[in-house]
PDB file of N, CA and C in Angstrom:
ATOM      1  N   UNK A   1       2.074 -12.647  12.875  1.00  0.00           N
ATOM      2  CA  UNK A   1       2.177 -11.572  12.709  1.00  0.00           C
ATOM      3  C   UNK A   1       0.983 -10.808  13.103  1.00  0.00           C
ATOM      4  N   UNK A   2       0.616  -9.342  12.887  1.00  0.00           N
ATOM      5  CA  UNK A   2      -0.231  -7.967  13.442  1.00  0.00           C
ATOM      6  C   UNK A   2      -1.425  -8.536  12.497  1.00  0.00           C
ATOM      7  N   UNK A   3      -2.323  -7.618  12.835  1.00  0.00           N
ATOM      8  CA  UNK A   3      -3.511  -7.727  12.125  1.00  0.00           C
ATOM      9  C   UNK A   3      -3.394  -7.033  11.006  1.00  0.00           C
ATOM     10  N   UNK A   4      -2.427  -5.239  11.022  1.00  0.00           N
ATOM     11  CA  UNK A   4      -1.864  -5.163  10.127  1.00  0.00           C
ATOM     12  C   UNK A   4      -1.008  -5.595   8.964  1.00  0.00           C
ATOM     13  N   UNK A   5      -0.307  -6.289   9.691  1.00  0.00           N
ATOM     14  CA  UNK A   5       0.665  -7.153   8.745  1.00  0.00           C
ATOM     15  C   UNK A   5      -0.352  -7.906   7.227  1.00  0.00           C
ATOM     16  N   UNK A   6      -1.387  -8.563   8.110  1.00  0.00           N
ATOM     17  CA  UNK A   6      -2.142  -9.373   7.417  1.00  0.00           C
ATOM     18  C   UNK A   6      -3.158  -9.081   6.854  1.00  0.00           C
ATOM     19  N   UNK A   7      -3.895  -7.920   6.793  1.00  0.00           N
ATOM     20  CA  UNK A   7      -4.195  -6.779   5.945  1.00  0.00           C
ATOM     21  C   UNK A   7      -3.814  -6.509   4.802  1.00  0.00           C
ATOM     22  N   UNK A   8      -2.602  -5.805   5.086  1.00  0.00           N
ATOM     23  CA  UNK A   8      -1.678  -5.904   3.986  1.00  0.00           C
ATOM     24  C   UNK A   8      -1.503  -6.585   3.292  1.00  0.00           C
ATOM     25  N   UNK A   9      -1.039  -7.770   3.585  1.00  0.00           N
ATOM     26  CA  UNK A   9      -0.881  -9.097   2.868  1.00  0.00           C
ATOM     27  C   UNK A   9      -2.040  -9.439   1.875  1.00  0.00           C
ATOM     28  N   UNK A  10      -3.255  -9.627   2.722  1.00  0.00           N
ATOM     29  CA  UNK A  10      -4.435  -9.816   1.995  1.00  0.00           C
ATOM     30  C   UNK A  10      -4.573  -8.836   0.537  1.00  0.00           C
ATOM     31  N   UNK A  11      -4.140  -7.795   0.672  1.00  0.00           N
ATOM     32  CA  UNK A  11      -4.599  -6.684   0.008  1.00  0.00           C
ATOM     33  C   UNK A  11      -3.359  -7.301  -1.534  1.00  0.00           C
ATOM     34  N   UNK A  12      -2.050  -7.161  -1.129  1.00  0.00           N
ATOM     35  CA  UNK A  12      -1.175  -7.555  -1.794  1.00  0.00           C
ATOM     36  C   UNK A  12      -1.573  -8.692  -2.512  1.00  0.00           C
ATOM     37  N   UNK A  13      -1.911 -10.078  -2.182  1.00  0.00           N
ATOM     38  CA  UNK A  13      -2.215 -11.348  -2.460  1.00  0.00           C
ATOM     39  C   UNK A  13      -3.503 -10.497  -3.662  1.00  0.00           C
ATOM     40  N   UNK A  14      -4.118  -9.897  -3.353  1.00  0.00           N
ATOM     41  CA  UNK A  14      -5.575  -9.289  -4.196  1.00  0.00           C
ATOM     42  C   UNK A  14      -5.359  -8.612  -5.286  1.00  0.00           C
ATOM     43  N   UNK A  15      -3.800  -8.271  -5.004  1.00  0.00           N
ATOM     44  CA  UNK A  15      -3.537  -7.130  -6.684  1.00  0.00           C
ATOM     45  C   UNK A  15      -4.215  -5.710  -6.325  1.00  0.00           C
ATOM     46  N   UNK A  16      -4.531  -5.463  -4.677  1.00  0.00           N
ATOM     47  CA  UNK A  16      -4.668  -3.997  -4.430  1.00  0.00           C
ATOM     48  C   UNK A  16      -4.107  -3.633  -3.157  1.00  0.00           C
ATOM     49  N   UNK A  17      -2.917  -3.618  -3.230  1.00  0.00           N
ATOM     50  CA  UNK A  17      -1.602  -3.405  -2.573  1.00  0.00           C
ATOM     51  C   UNK A  17      -1.296  -1.533  -2.954  1.00  0.00           C
ATOM     52  N   UNK A  18      -1.469  -0.508  -2.369  1.00  0.00           N
ATOM     53  CA  UNK A  18      -0.867   0.397  -1.754  1.00  0.00           C
ATOM     54  C   UNK A  18       0.377   0.338  -1.440  1.00  0.00           C
ATOM     55  N   UNK A  19       1.147   1.926  -1.452  1.00  0.00           N
ATOM     56  CA  UNK A  19       2.469   2.144  -1.178  1.00  0.00           C
ATOM     57  C   UNK A  19       2.825   1.321  -0.198  1.00  0.00           C
ATOM     58  N   UNK A  20       1.959   1.772   1.340  1.00  0.00           N
ATOM     59  CA  UNK A  20       1.722   2.128   2.642  1.00  0.00           C
ATOM     60  C   UNK A  20       1.620   0.510   2.860  1.00  0.00           C
ATOM     61  N   UNK A  21       0.933  -0.393   1.820  1.00  0.00           N
ATOM     62  CA  UNK A  21       0.685  -2.215   2.560  1.00  0.00           C
ATOM     63  C   UNK A  21       2.546  -2.471   1.487  1.00  0.00           C
ATOM     64  N   UNK A  22       3.052  -2.111   0.751  1.00  0.00           N
ATOM     65  CA  UNK A  22       4.294  -2.774   0.493  1.00  0.00           C
ATOM     66  C   UNK A  22       5.181  -1.989   1.719  1.00  0.00           C
ATOM     67  N   UNK A  23       5.080  -0.780   1.922  1.00  0.00           N
ATOM     68  CA  UNK A  23       5.651  -0.335   3.112  1.00  0.00           C
ATOM     69  C   UNK A  23       6.036  -1.264   4.554  1.00  0.00           C
ATOM     70  N   UNK A  24       4.772  -1.663   4.731  1.00  0.00           N
ATOM     71  CA  UNK A  24       4.646  -2.471   5.750  1.00  0.00           C
ATOM     72  C   UNK A  24       5.328  -3.647   5.665  1.00  0.00           C
ATOM     73  N   UNK A  25       4.910  -4.075   4.562  1.00  0.00           N
ATOM     74  CA  UNK A  25       5.225  -5.484   4.652  1.00  0.00           C
ATOM     75  C   UNK A  25       7.242  -5.269   4.095  1.00  0.00           C
ATOM     76  N   UNK A  26       7.674  -4.899   3.419  1.00  0.00           N
ATOM     77  CA  UNK A  26       8.760  -4.684   3.493  1.00  0.00           C
ATOM     78  C   UNK A  26       9.624  -4.380   4.859  1.00  0.00           C
ATOM     79  N   UNK A  27       9.044  -3.582   5.719  1.00  0.00           N
ATOM     80  CA  UNK A  27       9.906  -3.190   6.855  1.00  0.00           C
ATOM     81  C   UNK A  27       9.604  -4.637   7.876  1.00  0.00           C
ATOM     82  N   UNK A  28       8.208  -4.997   7.640  1.00  0.00           N
ATOM     83  CA  UNK A  28       7.881  -6.171   8.683  1.00  0.00           C
ATOM     84  C   UNK A  28       8.662  -7.561   8.562  1.00  0.00           C
ATOM     85  N   UNK A  29       8.919  -7.960   7.241  1.00  0.00           N
ATOM     86  CA  UNK A  29       9.953  -8.766   6.929  1.00  0.00           C
ATOM     87  C   UNK A  29      11.204  -8.398   6.459  1.00  0.00           C
ATOM     88  N   UNK A  30      11.941  -7.520   6.782  1.00  0.00           N
ATOM     89  CA  UNK A  30      13.125  -6.992   7.015  1.00  0.00           C
ATOM     90  C   UNK A  30      13.781  -7.560   8.503  1.00  0.00           C
ATOM     91  N   UNK A  31      12.430  -7.104   9.501  1.00  0.00           N
ATOM     92  CA  UNK A  31      12.433  -7.151  10.719  1.00  0.00           C
ATOM     93  C   UNK A  31      12.803  -8.599  11.056  1.00  0.00           C
ATOM     94  N   UNK A  32      12.419  -9.532  10.705  1.00  0.00           N
ATOM     95  CA  UNK A  32      12.142 -10.480  10.380  1.00  0.00           C
ATOM     96  C   UNK A  32      13.416 -11.411  10.267  1.00  0.00           C
ATOM     97  N   UNK A  33      13.900 -10.618   8.937  1.00  0.00           N
ATOM     98  CA  UNK A  33      15.370 -11.747   8.513  1.00  0.00           C
ATOM     99  C   UNK A  33      16.433 -11.106   9.710  1.00  0.00           C
ATOM    100  N   UNK A  34      16.656  -9.446   9.970  1.00  0.00           N
ATOM    101  CA  UNK A  34      16.935  -9.619  11.341  1.00  0.00           C
ATOM    102  C   UNK A  34      17.512 -10.231  12.462  1.00  0.00           C
ATOM    103  N   UNK A  35      16.030 -10.727  12.772  1.00  0.00           N
ATOM    104  CA  UNK A  35      16.160 -11.184  13.770  1.00  0.00           C
ATOM    105  C   UNK A  35      16.661 -12.676  13.436  1.00  0.00           C
ATOM    106  N   UNK A  36      16.347 -13.313  12.392  1.00  0.00           N
ATOM    107  CA  UNK A  36      16.738 -15.165  11.897  1.00  0.00           C
ATOM    108  C   UNK A  36      18.339 -14.842  11.357  1.00  0.00           C
ATOM    109  N   UNK A  37      19.052 -13.744  11.574  1.00  0.00           N
ATOM    110  CA  UNK A  37      20.386 -13.610  11.241  1.00  0.00           C
ATOM    111  C   UNK A  37      20.989 -12.393  11.173  1.00  0.00           C
ATOM    112  N   UNK A  38      20.742 -12.427  12.711  1.00  0.00           N
ATOM    113  CA  UNK A  38      21.605 -11.286  12.866  1.00  0.00           C
ATOM    114  C   UNK A  38      22.904 -11.146  12.335  1.00  0.00           C
ATOM    115  N   UNK A  39      23.623  -9.600  12.704  1.00  0.00           N
ATOM    116  CA  UNK A  39      24.871  -9.548  12.136  1.00  0.00           C
ATOM    117  C   UNK A  39      24.913  -7.927  11.311  1.00  0.00           C
ATOM    118  N   UNK A  40      26.282  -7.843  11.014  1.00  0.00           N
ATOM    119  CA  UNK A  40      26.206  -6.657   9.940  1.00  0.00           C
ATOM    120  C   UNK A  40      27.159  -6.928   9.163  1.00  0.00           C
ATOM    121  N   UNK A  41      27.340  -8.537   8.184  1.00  0.00           N
ATOM    122  CA  UNK A  41      28.373  -8.573   7.311  1.00  0.00           C
ATOM    123  C   UNK A  41      27.876  -8.274   5.868  1.00  0.00           C
ATOM    124  N   UNK A  42      26.146  -7.699   5.638  1.00  0.00           N
ATOM    125  CA  UNK A  42      25.815  -8.055   4.761  1.00  0.00           C
ATOM    126  C   UNK A  42      24.579  -6.713   4.814  1.00  0.00           C
ATOM    127  N   UNK A  43      24.335  -6.208   3.893  1.00  0.00           N
ATOM    128  CA  UNK A  43      23.158  -4.876   3.483  1.00  0.00           C
ATOM    129  C   UNK A  43      22.247  -5.191   2.805  1.00  0.00           C
ATOM    130  N   UNK A  44      20.529  -5.680   3.352  1.00  0.00           N
ATOM    131  CA  UNK A  44      19.684  -5.974   2.492  1.00  0.00           C
ATOM    132  C   UNK A  44      19.074  -4.776   2.155  1.00  0.00           C
ATOM    133  N   UNK A  45      19.090  -4.039   0.813  1.00  0.00           N
ATOM    134  CA  UNK A  45      17.991  -3.181   0.797  1.00  0.00           C
ATOM    135  C   UNK A  45      16.637  -2.951  -0.511  1.00  0.00           C
ATOM    136  N   UNK A  46      16.270  -2.181   0.139  1.00  0.00           N
ATOM    137  CA  UNK A  46      14.539  -2.701  -0.594  1.00  0.00           C
ATOM    138  C   UNK A  46      13.828  -0.931  -1.055  1.00  0.00           C
ATOM    139  N   UNK A  47      14.585  -0.915  -1.564  1.00  0.00           N
ATOM    140  CA  UNK A  47      14.110   1.132  -1.631  1.00  0.00           C
ATOM    141  C   UNK A  47      12.912   1.174  -2.081  1.00  0.00           C
ATOM    142  N   UNK A  48      11.852   1.796  -2.122  1.00  0.00           N
ATOM    143  CA  UNK A  48      12.775   2.885  -1.217  1.00  0.00           C
ATOM    144  C   UNK A  48      12.099   2.827   0.287  1.00  0.00           C
ATOM    145  N   UNK A  49      12.106   0.855   0.725  1.00  0.00           N
ATOM    146  CA  UNK A  49      11.552   0.726   1.853  1.00  0.00           C
ATOM    147  C   UNK A  49      11.578   0.783   2.611  1.00  0.00           C
ATOM    148  N   UNK A  50      13.678   0.565   2.774  1.00  0.00           N
ATOM    149  CA  UNK A  50      14.152   0.150   3.594  1.00  0.00           C
ATOM    150  C   UNK A  50      15.235  -0.699   3.438  1.00  0.00           C
ATOM    151  N   UNK A  51      16.330  -1.053   4.319  1.00  0.00           N
ATOM    152  CA  UNK A  51      17.700  -1.044   4.262  1.00  0.00           C
ATOM    153  C   UNK A  51      17.872  -1.575   5.378  1.00  0.00           C
ATOM    154  N   UNK A  52      18.279  -2.504   5.937  1.00  0.00           N
ATOM    155  CA  UNK A  52      19.200  -3.038   7.225  1.00  0.00           C
ATOM    156  C   UNK A  52      20.156  -4.125   7.287  1.00  0.00           C
ATOM    157  N   UNK A  53      21.273  -3.992   8.186  1.00  0.00           N
ATOM    158  CA  UNK A  53      22.488  -5.535   7.579  1.00  0.00           C
ATOM    159  C   UNK A  53      22.163  -6.063   9.047  1.00  0.00           C
ATOM    160  N   UNK A  54      22.209  -7.482   8.121  1.00  0.00           N
ATOM    161  CA  UNK A  54      22.300  -8.423   8.874  1.00  0.00           C
ATOM    162  C   UNK A  54      23.508  -9.948   8.420  1.00  0.00           C
ATOM    163  N   UNK A  55      23.408 -10.761   8.850  1.00  0.00           N
ATOM    164  CA  UNK A  55      24.520 -11.899   8.481  1.00  0.00           C
ATOM    165  C   UNK A  55      25.651 -11.625   9.453  1.00  0.00           C
ATOM    166  N   UNK A  56      25.995 -12.327  10.507  1.00  0.00           N
ATOM    167  CA  UNK A  56      27.011 -12.816  11.260  1.00  0.00           C
ATOM    168  C   UNK A  56      28.687 -12.465   9.897  1.00  0.00           C
ATOM    169  N   UNK A  57      29.854 -11.612  10.644  1.00  0.00           N
ATOM    170  CA  UNK A  57      30.769 -11.378   9.962  1.00  0.00           C
ATOM    171  C   UNK A  57      31.307  -9.445   9.739  1.00  0.00           C
ATOM    172  N   UNK A  58      32.374  -9.623   9.295  1.00  0.00           N
ATOM    173  CA  UNK A  58      32.784  -8.021   9.282  1.00  0.00           C
ATOM    174  C   UNK A  58      31.861  -7.016   9.886  1.00  0.00           C
ATOM    175  N   UNK A  59      31.780  -6.564  10.633  1.00  0.00           N
ATOM    176  CA  UNK A  59      31.126  -4.911  10.402  1.00  0.00           C
ATOM    177  C   UNK A  59      30.839  -4.064   9.480  1.00  0.00           C
ATOM    178  N   UNK A  60      29.813  -3.613   8.997  1.00  0.00           N
ATOM    179  CA  UNK A  60      30.262  -2.648   7.715  1.00  0.00           C
ATOM    180  C   UNK A  60      30.170  -1.137   8.306  1.00  0.00           C
ATOM    181  N   UNK A  61      31.160  -0.373   8.579  1.00  0.00           N
ATOM    182  CA  UNK A  61      30.774   0.723   9.421  1.00  0.00           C
ATOM    183  C   UNK A  61      30.468   2.208   8.467  1.00  0.00           C
ATOM    184  N   UNK A  62      31.334   2.390   7.305  1.00  0.00           N
ATOM    185  CA  UNK A  62      31.573   3.688   6.301  1.00  0.00           C
ATOM    186  C   UNK A  62      30.894   3.123   4.731  1.00  0.00           C
ATOM    187  N   UNK A  63      30.982   4.171   4.283  1.00  0.00           N
ATOM    188  CA  UNK A  63      30.989   3.752   2.792  1.00  0.00           C
ATOM    189  C   UNK A  63      30.202   2.905   2.116  1.00  0.00           C
ATOM    190  N   UNK A  64      30.400   2.204   0.701  1.00  0.00           N
ATOM    191  CA  UNK A  64      29.058   1.045   0.337  1.00  0.00           C
ATOM    192  C   UNK A  64      29.818  -0.216   1.104  1.00  0.00           C
ATOM    193  N   UNK A  65      28.865  -0.436   1.821  1.00  0.00           N
ATOM    194  CA  UNK A  65      29.278  -2.327   2.565  1.00  0.00           C
ATOM    195  C   UNK A  65      29.625  -3.209   1.513  1.00  0.00           C
ATOM    196  N   UNK A  66      30.330  -4.604   1.575  1.00  0.00           N
ATOM    197  CA  UNK A  66      31.211  -4.876   0.370  1.00  0.00           C
ATOM    198  C   UNK A  66      30.541  -6.019   0.217  1.00  0.00           C
ATOM    199  N   UNK A  67      29.132  -6.212   1.159  1.00  0.00           N
ATOM    200  CA  UNK A  67      28.333  -7.011   1.023  1.00  0.00           C
ATOM    201  C   UNK A  67      27.094  -6.273   0.173  1.00  0.00           C
ATOM    202  N   UNK A  68      26.244  -6.556  -0.474  1.00  0.00           N
ATOM    203  CA  UNK A  68      25.294  -5.879  -1.088  1.00  0.00           C
ATOM    204  C   UNK A  68      23.835  -6.430  -1.702  1.00  0.00           C
ATOM    205  N   UNK A  69      22.933  -6.566  -1.279  1.00  0.00           N
ATOM    206  CA  UNK A  69      21.899  -7.329  -1.861  1.00  0.00           C
ATOM    207  C   UNK A  69      20.477  -6.345  -2.623  1.00  0.00           C
ATOM    208  N   UNK A  70      20.208  -6.128  -3.339  1.00  0.00           N
ATOM    209  CA  UNK A  70      19.401  -5.461  -3.503  1.00  0.00           C
ATOM    210  C   UNK A  70      17.891  -5.295  -4.646  1.00  0.00           C
ATOM    211  N   UNK A  71      16.636  -5.248  -3.895  1.00  0.00           N
ATOM    212  CA  UNK A  71      15.732  -5.629  -4.963  1.00  0.00           C
ATOM    213  C   UNK A  71      14.445  -4.701  -4.769  1.00  0.00           C
ATOM    214  N   UNK A  72      12.999  -5.393  -5.495  1.00  0.00           N
ATOM    215  CA  UNK A  72      12.402  -4.522  -5.637  1.00  0.00           C
ATOM    216  C   UNK A  72      11.698  -5.072  -4.288  1.00  0.00           C
ATOM    217  N   UNK A  73      10.672  -4.058  -4.166  1.00  0.00           N
ATOM    218  CA  UNK A  73       9.476  -4.833  -2.599  1.00  0.00           C
ATOM    219  C   UNK A  73       8.694  -6.143  -3.001  1.00  0.00           C
ATOM    220  N   UNK A  74       8.120  -6.154  -4.391  1.00  0.00           N
ATOM    221  CA  UNK A  74       7.692  -7.200  -4.760  1.00  0.00           C
ATOM    222  C   UNK A  74       8.247  -8.256  -4.498  1.00  0.00           C
ATOM    223  N   UNK A  75       9.664  -8.191  -5.214  1.00  0.00           N
ATOM    224  CA  UNK A  75      10.531  -9.688  -5.392  1.00  0.00           C
ATOM    225  C   UNK A  75      10.752 -10.387  -3.486  1.00  0.00           C
ATOM    226  N   UNK A  76      10.843  -8.674  -2.572  1.00  0.00           N
ATOM    227  CA  UNK A  76      11.741  -9.739  -1.292  1.00  0.00           C
ATOM    228  C   UNK A  76      10.494  -9.625  -0.265  1.00  0.00           C
ATOM    229  N   UNK A  77       9.206  -9.355  -0.809  1.00  0.00           N
ATOM    230  CA  UNK A  77       7.871  -9.905  -0.204  1.00  0.00           C
ATOM    231  C   UNK A  77       8.038 -11.789  -0.643  1.00  0.00           C
ATOM    232  N   UNK A  78       7.937 -11.429  -2.114  1.00  0.00           N
ATOM    233  CA  UNK A  78       7.631 -13.307  -2.513  1.00  0.00           C
ATOM    234  C   UNK A  78       8.690 -13.961  -1.850  1.00  0.00           C
ATOM    235  N   UNK A  79      10.005 -13.488  -1.941  1.00  0.00           N
ATOM    236  CA  UNK A  79      11.244 -14.168  -1.360  1.00  0.00           C
ATOM    237  C   UNK A  79      10.801 -14.839   0.431  1.00  0.00           C
ATOM    238  N   UNK A  80      10.488 -13.556   0.387  1.00  0.00           N
ATOM    239  CA  UNK A  80      10.766 -13.491   2.401  1.00  0.00           C
ATOM    240  C   UNK A  80       9.778 -14.777   2.765  1.00  0.00           C
ATOM    241  N   UNK A  81       8.407 -14.473   2.003  1.00  0.00           N
ATOM    242  CA  UNK A  81       7.298 -15.315   2.224  1.00  0.00           C
ATOM    243  C   UNK A  81       7.364 -17.170   1.576  1.00  0.00           C
ATOM    244  N   UNK A  82       8.648 -17.045   0.660  1.00  0.00           N
ATOM    245  CA  UNK A  82       8.724 -18.390   0.394  1.00  0.00           C
ATOM    246  C   UNK A  82       7.906 -18.797  -0.736  1.00  0.00           C
ATOM    247  N   UNK A  83       7.755 -17.727  -1.468  1.00  0.00           N
ATOM    248  CA  UNK A  83       6.501 -17.676  -3.049  1.00  0.00           C
ATOM    249  C   UNK A  83       7.145 -17.759  -3.731  1.00  0.00           C
ATOM    250  N   UNK A  84       8.895 -17.611  -4.146  1.00  0.00           N
ATOM    251  CA  UNK A  84       9.634 -17.960  -4.951  1.00  0.00           C
ATOM    252  C   UNK A  84      11.373 -17.901  -4.376  1.00  0.00           C
ATOM    253  N   UNK A  85      11.849 -18.956  -4.785  1.00  0.00           N
ATOM    254  CA  UNK A  85      13.084 -19.221  -4.410  1.00  0.00           C
ATOM    255  C   UNK A  85      14.352 -18.012  -4.760  1.00  0.00           C
ATOM    256  N   UNK A  86      15.209 -17.944  -4.008  1.00  0.00           N
ATOM    257  CA  UNK A  86      16.586 -17.440  -4.495  1.00  0.00           C
ATOM    258  C   UNK A  86      17.410 -17.320  -5.536  1.00  0.00           C
ATOM    259  N   UNK A  87      16.807 -19.131  -6.343  1.00  0.00           N
ATOM    260  CA  UNK A  87      17.336 -18.814  -7.454  1.00  0.00           C
ATOM    261  C   UNK A  87      16.679 -18.653  -8.191  1.00  0.00           C
ATOM    262  N   UNK A  88      15.450 -18.602  -8.351  1.00  0.00           N
ATOM    263  CA  UNK A  88      14.151 -17.915  -9.399  1.00  0.00           C
ATOM    264  C   UNK A  88      14.721 -16.505  -9.157  1.00  0.00           C
ATOM    265  N   UNK A  89      14.532 -16.017  -7.621  1.00  0.00           N
ATOM    266  CA  UNK A  89      14.499 -14.932  -8.081  1.00  0.00           C
ATOM    267  C   UNK A  89      15.993 -13.957  -8.425  1.00  0.00           C
ATOM    268  N   UNK A  90      16.906 -14.440  -8.886  1.00  0.00           N
ATOM    269  CA  UNK A  90      18.334 -14.226  -9.440  1.00  0.00           C
ATOM    270  C   UNK A  90      18.003 -14.083 -10.704  1.00  0.00           C
ATOM    271  N   UNK A  91      17.248 -15.292 -11.156  1.00  0.00           N
ATOM    272  CA  UNK A  91      16.984 -15.206 -12.337  1.00  0.00           C
ATOM    273  C   UNK A  91      16.053 -14.058 -13.163  1.00  0.00           C
ATOM    274  N   UNK A  92      15.378 -13.262 -12.551  1.00  0.00           N
ATOM    275  CA  UNK A  92      14.565 -12.860 -12.959  1.00  0.00           C
ATOM    276  C   UNK A  92      15.297 -11.182 -13.321  1.00  0.00           C
ATOM    277  N   UNK A  93      16.241 -11.004 -13.160  1.00  0.00           N
ATOM    278  CA  UNK A  93      17.364  -9.826 -13.077  1.00  0.00           C
ATOM    279  C   UNK A  93      17.113  -8.872 -12.342  1.00  0.00           C
ATOM    280  N   UNK A  94      16.069  -8.926 -11.890  1.00  0.00           N
ATOM    281  CA  UNK A  94      15.843  -7.390 -10.349  1.00  0.00           C
ATOM    282  C   UNK A  94      16.301  -7.815  -9.411  1.00  0.00           C
ATOM    283  N   UNK A  95      17.224  -8.731  -9.143  1.00  0.00           N
ATOM    284  CA  UNK A  95      18.161  -9.036  -7.635  1.00  0.00           C
ATOM    285  C   UNK A  95      19.133  -8.694  -8.095  1.00  0.00           C
ATOM    286  N   UNK A  96      20.104  -7.538  -7.334  1.00  0.00           N
ATOM    287  CA  UNK A  96      21.206  -7.396  -7.513  1.00  0.00           C
ATOM    288  C   UNK A  96      22.124  -7.672  -5.949  1.00  0.00           C
ATOM    289  N   UNK A  97      23.230  -8.695  -6.225  1.00  0.00           N
ATOM    290  CA  UNK A  97      23.778  -9.118  -5.284  1.00  0.00           C
ATOM    291  C   UNK A  97      25.377  -9.125  -5.478  1.00  0.00           C
ATOM    292  N   UNK A  98      26.387  -8.709  -4.394  1.00  0.00           N
ATOM    293  CA  UNK A  98      27.405  -8.843  -4.775  1.00  0.00           C
ATOM    294  C   UNK A  98      28.062  -8.884  -3.226  1.00  0.00           C
ATOM    295  N   UNK A  99      29.165  -9.425  -3.089  1.00  0.00           N
ATOM    296  CA  UNK A  99      30.298 -10.061  -2.622  1.00  0.00           C
ATOM    297  C   UNK A  99      29.988 -11.063  -0.990  1.00  0.00           C
ATOM    298  N   UNK A 100      30.678 -11.453  -0.527  1.00  0.00           N
ATOM    299  CA  UNK A 100      30.656 -12.600   0.037  1.00  0.00           C
ATOM    300  C   UNK A 100      28.992 -12.531   1.249  1.00  0.00           C
ATOM    301  N   UNK A 101      28.613 -13.951   0.978  1.00  0.00           N
ATOM    302  CA  UNK A 101      27.383 -14.088   2.252  1.00  0.00           C
ATOM    303  C   UNK A 101      26.273 -13.242   1.735  1.00  0.00           C
ATOM    304  N   UNK A 102      25.865 -13.008   0.501  1.00  0.00           N
ATOM    305  CA  UNK A 102      24.925 -12.669  -0.270  1.00  0.00           C
ATOM    306  C   UNK A 102      23.778 -13.448  -0.615  1.00  0.00           C
ATOM    307  N   UNK A 103      24.283 -14.878  -0.514  1.00  0.00           N
ATOM    308  CA  UNK A 103      22.932 -15.702  -1.155  1.00  0.00           C
ATOM    309  C   UNK A 103      22.136 -16.156   0.409  1.00  0.00           C
ATOM    310  N   UNK A 104      20.803 -15.749   0.116  1.00  0.00           N
ATOM    311  CA  UNK A 104      19.775 -15.557   1.508  1.00  0.00           C
ATOM    312  C   UNK A 104      19.828 -17.064   2.054  1.00  0.00           C
ATOM    313  N   UNK A 105      19.156 -17.943   0.729  1.00  0.00           N
ATOM    314  CA  UNK A 105      18.224 -19.062   0.787  1.00  0.00           C
ATOM    315  C   UNK A 105      18.543 -20.034   2.018  1.00  0.00           C
ATOM    316  N   UNK A 106      19.903 -19.879   2.383  1.00  0.00           N
ATOM    317  CA  UNK A 106      19.617 -20.250   3.954  1.00  0.00           C
ATOM    318  C   UNK A 106      19.066 -19.813   5.186  1.00  0.00           C
ATOM    319  N   UNK A 107      18.139 -18.245   5.200  1.00  0.00           N
ATOM    320  CA  UNK A 107      17.359 -18.071   5.960  1.00  0.00           C
ATOM    321  C   UNK A 107      15.202 -17.951   5.506  1.00  0.00           C
ATOM    322  N   UNK A 108      15.754 -18.310   4.106  1.00  0.00           N
ATOM    323  CA  UNK A 108      14.745 -18.036   3.328  1.00  0.00           C
ATOM    324  C   UNK A 108      13.365 -19.123   3.316  1.00  0.00           C
ATOM    325  N   UNK A 109      12.636 -19.071   3.655  1.00  0.00           N
ATOM    326  CA  UNK A 109      11.650 -18.562   3.821  1.00  0.00           C
ATOM    327  C   UNK A 109      11.526 -18.048   5.101  1.00  0.00           C
ATOM    328  N   UNK A 110      11.073 -16.524   5.619  1.00  0.00           N
ATOM    329  CA  UNK A 110      11.241 -16.460   7.150  1.00  0.00           C
ATOM    330  C   UNK A 110       9.840 -16.680   7.898  1.00  0.00           C
ATOM    331  N   UNK A 111       8.671 -16.742   7.054  1.00  0.00           N
ATOM    332  CA  UNK A 111       7.924 -17.194   8.311  1.00  0.00           C
ATOM    333  C   UNK A 111       7.043 -19.195   7.606  1.00  0.00           C
TER     334      UNK A 111
END
């Protein structure tokens, strides 16, 4: 990772992360997900900072995708870094996943 990511992660770990830190961490980790699981079958949304399409399968082009995962930035960061597991994240009630291929456990953690 780059120094800006490391600094943002340090602030996140210290509990002093600001919106800009959450945005940077979210976007960088979403990029890593796309690199690890390229495709267009599943849309991962981390409002308000980003959304990507990933995982091989039918391409989504218009309207609501058939497979969607939506979760808050903090939960995404913890999942992507391996600080929580997919089942534990689902149990929080903060992660919404619908459609096929919406279990990201095979791709996590990203780092």
